[in-house]
């Protein structure tokens, strides 16, 4: 099993689920999205940035049987998440 963990600030878990659905996934649990040969599990927390600012940080753990399946999904999702949160 291949696993990649990425964290993204400034997006919500709800938005991240939408991005995962747009790259071929389907929500199969509260914070789980499954594609044909991959699965993504999300967690969400509020993190402090400096003394007064807080942001939402979503961590996504992507899993698949191979790099060839997983790497394009992670790349496509990251482009959407970084553009939205930036």
Protein backbone atom coordinates (compact mmCIF):
# COMPACT_ATOMS: atom_id res chain seq x y z
CA UNK A 1 0.00 0.00 0.00
CA UNK A 2 1.29 3.45 -0.98
CA UNK A 3 0.38 6.39 1.25
CA UNK A 4 0.78 10.15 0.85
CA UNK A 5 -0.15 12.68 3.54
CA UNK A 6 -0.63 16.33 2.66
CA UNK A 7 -1.92 19.31 4.67
CA UNK A 8 -3.65 22.33 3.18
CA UNK A 9 -4.47 25.56 4.96
CA UNK A 10 -7.33 27.88 4.19
CA UNK A 11 -9.82 25.29 2.87
CA UNK A 12 -12.54 23.37 4.67
CA UNK A 13 -13.03 19.60 4.73
CA UNK A 14 -16.29 20.16 2.83
CA UNK A 15 -14.42 21.98 0.03
CA UNK A 16 -11.70 19.31 0.00
CA UNK A 17 -14.35 16.61 -0.41
CA UNK A 18 -15.73 18.53 -3.38
CA UNK A 19 -12.26 18.73 -4.96
CA UNK A 20 -11.75 15.00 -4.43
CA UNK A 21 -15.10 14.31 -6.09
CA UNK A 22 -14.05 16.47 -9.04
CA UNK A 23 -10.99 14.23 -9.61
CA UNK A 24 -13.11 11.08 -9.72
CA UNK A 25 -13.92 10.24 -6.11
CA UNK A 26 -17.18 9.61 -4.29
CA UNK A 27 -17.84 10.40 -0.65
CA UNK A 28 -18.23 7.07 1.15
CA UNK A 29 -18.08 8.20 4.76
CA UNK A 30 -18.16 11.35 6.87
CA UNK A 31 -14.59 12.27 5.90
CA UNK A 32 -13.70 9.54 3.43
CA UNK A 33 -13.66 9.75 -0.37
CA UNK A 34 -13.05 6.69 -2.55
CA UNK A 35 -12.00 6.60 -6.19
CA UNK A 36 -11.65 3.57 -8.44
CA UNK A 37 -8.29 2.45 -7.03
CA UNK A 38 -7.63 4.99 -4.27
CA UNK A 39 -9.02 6.29 -0.99
CA UNK A 40 -8.61 9.62 0.79
CA UNK A 41 -9.25 10.21 4.50
CA UNK A 42 -9.56 13.75 5.79
CA UNK A 43 -9.14 15.45 9.13
CA UNK A 44 -9.65 19.12 9.96
CA UNK A 45 -8.33 21.38 12.69
CA UNK A 46 -7.83 25.06 13.44
CA UNK A 47 -4.21 26.19 13.62
CA UNK A 48 -2.75 29.45 14.90
CA UNK A 49 -0.77 31.63 12.54
CA UNK A 50 0.96 34.21 14.65
CA UNK A 51 -0.54 35.66 17.81
CA UNK A 52 -4.01 36.55 16.50
CA UNK A 53 -4.74 34.72 13.26
CA UNK A 54 -6.27 31.24 12.94
CA UNK A 55 -6.78 29.14 9.83
CA UNK A 56 -8.46 25.85 9.05
CA UNK A 57 -5.99 23.13 8.11
CA UNK A 58 -7.20 20.01 6.32
CA UNK A 59 -4.96 16.95 6.28
CA UNK A 60 -5.60 14.36 3.59
CA UNK A 61 -4.15 10.86 3.71
CA UNK A 62 -4.23 9.35 0.22
CA UNK A 63 -3.86 5.57 -0.17
CA UNK A 64 -3.56 3.29 -3.19
CA UNK A 65 -1.83 0.15 -4.39
CA UNK A 66 0.65 2.01 -6.60
CA UNK A 67 2.43 5.30 -7.18
CA UNK A 68 1.14 5.36 -10.77
CA UNK A 69 -2.44 5.55 -9.56
CA UNK A 70 -1.88 7.82 -6.57
CA UNK A 71 0.53 10.48 -7.83
CA UNK A 72 -1.79 11.98 -10.50
CA UNK A 73 -4.69 12.13 -8.02
CA UNK A 74 -2.57 13.88 -5.38
CA UNK A 75 -1.25 16.33 -8.00
CA UNK A 76 -4.71 17.16 -9.40
CA UNK A 77 -6.19 17.59 -5.93
CA UNK A 78 -3.26 19.75 -4.78
CA UNK A 79 -3.65 22.12 -7.73
CA UNK A 80 -7.29 22.68 -6.81
CA UNK A 81 -6.68 22.98 -3.05
CA UNK A 82 -3.72 25.32 -3.27
CA UNK A 83 -5.41 27.60 -5.79
CA UNK A 84 -8.55 27.81 -3.63
CA UNK A 85 -6.78 28.33 -0.33
CA UNK A 86 -4.11 30.70 -1.60
